[in-house]
N, C-alpha and C. Protein backbone atom coordinates (compact mmCIF):
# COMPACT_ATOMS: atom_id res chain seq x y z
N UNK A 1 2.86 -9.13 9.36
CA UNK A 1 3.48 -8.29 8.37
C UNK A 1 4.70 -7.64 8.97
N UNK A 2 5.39 -6.84 8.19
CA UNK A 2 6.59 -6.19 8.66
C UNK A 2 7.80 -6.73 7.93
N UNK A 3 8.93 -6.21 8.26
CA UNK A 3 10.15 -6.63 7.58
C UNK A 3 10.48 -8.08 7.91
N UNK A 4 10.82 -8.81 6.90
CA UNK A 4 11.16 -10.21 7.07
C UNK A 4 12.36 -10.53 6.18
N UNK A 5 12.73 -11.78 6.15
CA UNK A 5 13.83 -12.19 5.29
C UNK A 5 13.50 -12.02 3.81
N UNK A 6 12.24 -11.84 3.47
CA UNK A 6 11.84 -11.64 2.08
C UNK A 6 12.03 -10.21 1.61
N UNK A 7 12.27 -9.29 2.49
CA UNK A 7 12.40 -7.90 2.07
C UNK A 7 11.42 -7.04 2.84
N UNK A 8 11.02 -5.95 2.24
CA UNK A 8 10.14 -5.01 2.91
C UNK A 8 8.67 -5.39 2.73
N UNK A 9 7.87 -5.00 3.73
CA UNK A 9 6.41 -5.13 3.62
C UNK A 9 5.91 -3.80 3.07
N UNK A 10 5.28 -3.84 1.91
CA UNK A 10 4.88 -2.62 1.21
C UNK A 10 3.37 -2.61 1.02
N UNK A 11 2.76 -1.48 1.33
CA UNK A 11 1.36 -1.26 1.01
C UNK A 11 1.31 -0.38 -0.22
N UNK A 12 0.75 -0.91 -1.29
CA UNK A 12 0.65 -0.22 -2.57
C UNK A 12 -0.79 0.26 -2.74
N UNK A 13 -0.98 1.57 -2.81
CA UNK A 13 -2.33 2.14 -2.87
C UNK A 13 -2.50 2.89 -4.19
N UNK A 14 -3.37 2.36 -5.04
CA UNK A 14 -3.67 3.00 -6.33
C UNK A 14 -5.02 2.51 -6.79
N UNK A 15 -5.82 3.40 -7.37
CA UNK A 15 -7.14 3.02 -7.84
C UNK A 15 -7.12 2.32 -9.19
N UNK A 16 -5.98 2.33 -9.87
CA UNK A 16 -5.86 1.65 -11.16
C UNK A 16 -5.34 0.23 -10.92
N UNK A 17 -6.25 -0.74 -11.00
CA UNK A 17 -5.92 -2.13 -10.67
C UNK A 17 -4.80 -2.68 -11.54
N UNK A 18 -4.79 -2.35 -12.81
CA UNK A 18 -3.77 -2.88 -13.71
C UNK A 18 -2.38 -2.39 -13.30
N UNK A 19 -2.27 -1.11 -12.98
CA UNK A 19 -1.00 -0.55 -12.52
C UNK A 19 -0.58 -1.18 -11.19
N UNK A 20 -1.55 -1.34 -10.28
CA UNK A 20 -1.27 -1.97 -8.98
C UNK A 20 -0.70 -3.37 -9.16
N UNK A 21 -1.34 -4.16 -10.01
CA UNK A 21 -0.88 -5.54 -10.24
C UNK A 21 0.53 -5.56 -10.84
N UNK A 22 0.78 -4.68 -11.80
CA UNK A 22 2.09 -4.63 -12.44
C UNK A 22 3.18 -4.27 -11.43
N UNK A 23 2.93 -3.23 -10.64
CA UNK A 23 3.90 -2.82 -9.62
C UNK A 23 4.08 -3.91 -8.56
N UNK A 24 2.98 -4.51 -8.14
CA UNK A 24 3.05 -5.57 -7.11
C UNK A 24 3.88 -6.75 -7.61
N UNK A 25 3.69 -7.15 -8.84
CA UNK A 25 4.49 -8.26 -9.40
C UNK A 25 5.96 -7.90 -9.44
N UNK A 26 6.26 -6.69 -9.86
CA UNK A 26 7.64 -6.25 -9.96
C UNK A 26 8.31 -6.20 -8.58
N UNK A 27 7.62 -5.64 -7.61
CA UNK A 27 8.17 -5.56 -6.25
C UNK A 27 8.31 -6.94 -5.62
N UNK A 28 7.32 -7.80 -5.84
CA UNK A 28 7.38 -9.17 -5.30
C UNK A 28 8.54 -9.94 -5.91
N UNK A 29 8.78 -9.74 -7.19
CA UNK A 29 9.90 -10.42 -7.86
C UNK A 29 11.24 -9.99 -7.30
N UNK A 30 11.28 -8.84 -6.68
CA UNK A 30 12.51 -8.33 -6.06
C UNK A 30 12.60 -8.69 -4.58
N UNK A 31 11.69 -9.57 -4.13
CA UNK A 31 11.77 -10.09 -2.78
C UNK A 31 10.95 -9.36 -1.73
N UNK A 32 10.07 -8.46 -2.15
CA UNK A 32 9.25 -7.73 -1.19
C UNK A 32 7.87 -8.36 -1.06
N UNK A 33 7.27 -8.19 0.11
CA UNK A 33 5.90 -8.63 0.35
C UNK A 33 5.01 -7.43 0.08
N UNK A 34 4.02 -7.58 -0.79
CA UNK A 34 3.19 -6.44 -1.21
C UNK A 34 1.73 -6.71 -0.90
N UNK A 35 1.12 -5.76 -0.22
CA UNK A 35 -0.32 -5.75 0.01
C UNK A 35 -0.87 -4.62 -0.84
N UNK A 36 -2.09 -4.79 -1.35
CA UNK A 36 -2.67 -3.79 -2.24
C UNK A 36 -3.95 -3.21 -1.67
N UNK A 37 -4.17 -1.94 -1.98
CA UNK A 37 -5.42 -1.26 -1.64
C UNK A 37 -5.81 -0.40 -2.84
N UNK A 38 -7.09 -0.40 -3.16
CA UNK A 38 -7.56 0.38 -4.31
C UNK A 38 -8.20 1.70 -3.94
N UNK A 39 -8.41 1.91 -2.64
CA UNK A 39 -9.03 3.15 -2.19
C UNK A 39 -8.33 3.64 -0.92
N UNK A 40 -8.58 4.88 -0.60
CA UNK A 40 -8.03 5.44 0.64
C UNK A 40 -8.59 4.68 1.84
N UNK A 41 -9.86 4.39 1.81
CA UNK A 41 -10.50 3.66 2.92
C UNK A 41 -9.85 2.29 3.12
N UNK A 42 -9.59 1.56 2.03
CA UNK A 42 -8.91 0.26 2.13
C UNK A 42 -7.50 0.43 2.70
N UNK A 43 -6.82 1.51 2.32
CA UNK A 43 -5.47 1.76 2.83
C UNK A 43 -5.50 2.01 4.34
N UNK A 44 -6.47 2.80 4.79
CA UNK A 44 -6.59 3.07 6.22
C UNK A 44 -6.81 1.78 6.98
N UNK A 45 -7.71 0.93 6.49
CA UNK A 45 -7.98 -0.35 7.13
C UNK A 45 -6.72 -1.22 7.19
N UNK A 46 -5.98 -1.26 6.08
CA UNK A 46 -4.76 -2.07 6.03
C UNK A 46 -3.72 -1.56 7.03
N UNK A 47 -3.57 -0.24 7.13
CA UNK A 47 -2.59 0.33 8.05
C UNK A 47 -2.98 0.08 9.50
N UNK A 48 -4.26 0.16 9.78
CA UNK A 48 -4.73 -0.07 11.16
C UNK A 48 -4.46 -1.52 11.57
N UNK A 49 -4.61 -2.44 10.65
CA UNK A 49 -4.48 -3.87 10.97
C UNK A 49 -3.12 -4.47 10.66
N UNK A 50 -2.23 -3.69 10.08
CA UNK A 50 -0.95 -4.25 9.69
C UNK A 50 0.20 -3.31 9.98
N UNK A 51 1.39 -3.79 9.68
CA UNK A 51 2.61 -3.01 9.83
C UNK A 51 3.35 -3.03 8.50
N UNK A 52 3.68 -1.87 8.02
CA UNK A 52 4.36 -1.76 6.72
C UNK A 52 5.66 -0.98 6.87
N UNK A 53 6.62 -1.37 6.07
CA UNK A 53 7.88 -0.65 6.01
C UNK A 53 7.79 0.54 5.06
N UNK A 54 6.88 0.43 4.08
CA UNK A 54 6.77 1.46 3.05
C UNK A 54 5.33 1.54 2.55
N UNK A 55 4.85 2.76 2.39
CA UNK A 55 3.54 3.00 1.77
C UNK A 55 3.78 3.70 0.45
N UNK A 56 3.30 3.12 -0.64
CA UNK A 56 3.37 3.76 -1.95
C UNK A 56 1.95 4.22 -2.28
N UNK A 57 1.75 5.53 -2.29
CA UNK A 57 0.41 6.10 -2.40
C UNK A 57 0.21 6.87 -3.69
N UNK A 58 -0.90 6.61 -4.36
CA UNK A 58 -1.37 7.42 -5.47
C UNK A 58 -1.87 8.73 -4.86
N UNK A 59 -1.45 9.87 -5.37
CA UNK A 59 -1.88 11.14 -4.80
C UNK A 59 -3.21 11.62 -5.37
N UNK A 60 -3.81 10.86 -6.29
CA UNK A 60 -5.09 11.24 -6.89
C UNK A 60 -6.12 10.12 -6.77
N UNK A 61 -6.37 9.67 -5.57
CA UNK A 61 -7.38 8.64 -5.35
C UNK A 61 -8.76 9.26 -5.45
N UNK A 62 -9.75 8.51 -5.92
CA UNK A 62 -11.10 9.09 -6.05
C UNK A 62 -11.76 9.41 -4.71
N UNK A 63 -11.40 8.71 -3.64
CA UNK A 63 -12.06 8.94 -2.35
C UNK A 63 -11.23 9.80 -1.39
N UNK A 64 -10.03 10.19 -1.78
CA UNK A 64 -9.20 11.08 -0.95
C UNK A 64 -7.90 11.33 -1.68
N UNK A 65 -7.25 12.41 -1.36
CA UNK A 65 -5.94 12.66 -1.94
C UNK A 65 -4.91 11.79 -1.23
N UNK A 66 -3.94 11.31 -1.95
CA UNK A 66 -2.88 10.50 -1.36
C UNK A 66 -2.04 11.27 -0.35
N UNK A 67 -2.19 12.59 -0.34
CA UNK A 67 -1.44 13.41 0.61
C UNK A 67 -2.00 13.25 2.02
N UNK A 68 -3.24 12.76 2.13
CA UNK A 68 -3.83 12.49 3.46
C UNK A 68 -3.31 11.13 3.90
N UNK A 69 -2.31 11.12 4.73
CA UNK A 69 -1.62 9.89 5.12
C UNK A 69 -2.55 8.95 5.88
N UNK A 70 -2.74 7.71 5.39
CA UNK A 70 -3.63 6.75 6.06
C UNK A 70 -3.26 6.48 7.51
N UNK A 71 -1.99 6.45 7.85
CA UNK A 71 -1.57 6.13 9.22
C UNK A 71 -2.15 7.17 10.19
N UNK A 72 -2.14 8.43 9.83
CA UNK A 72 -2.64 9.47 10.71
C UNK A 72 -4.15 9.36 10.89
N UNK A 73 -4.85 9.02 9.84
CA UNK A 73 -6.30 8.94 9.91
C UNK A 73 -6.78 7.66 10.57
N UNK A 74 -6.00 6.60 10.48
CA UNK A 74 -6.42 5.32 11.00
C UNK A 74 -6.09 5.11 12.47
N UNK A 75 -5.30 5.99 13.06
CA UNK A 75 -4.88 5.79 14.45
C UNK A 75 -5.21 6.95 15.30
């Protein structure tokens, strides 16, 4: 993962799957690589195992507030 010729590597974190899919399609169509997480726990796992240029976080996740940055908790 990481920045490539396709654009930015983005982790999109939202518990609403339909919104996640819509945003992911839109970002991918603009040349970005998008990984998705539906929970804070999934976001932490993704950040620990990957490298992202941008994290788009829902601030009202059911398992944690989006204000709790996954990178800090995962490392």
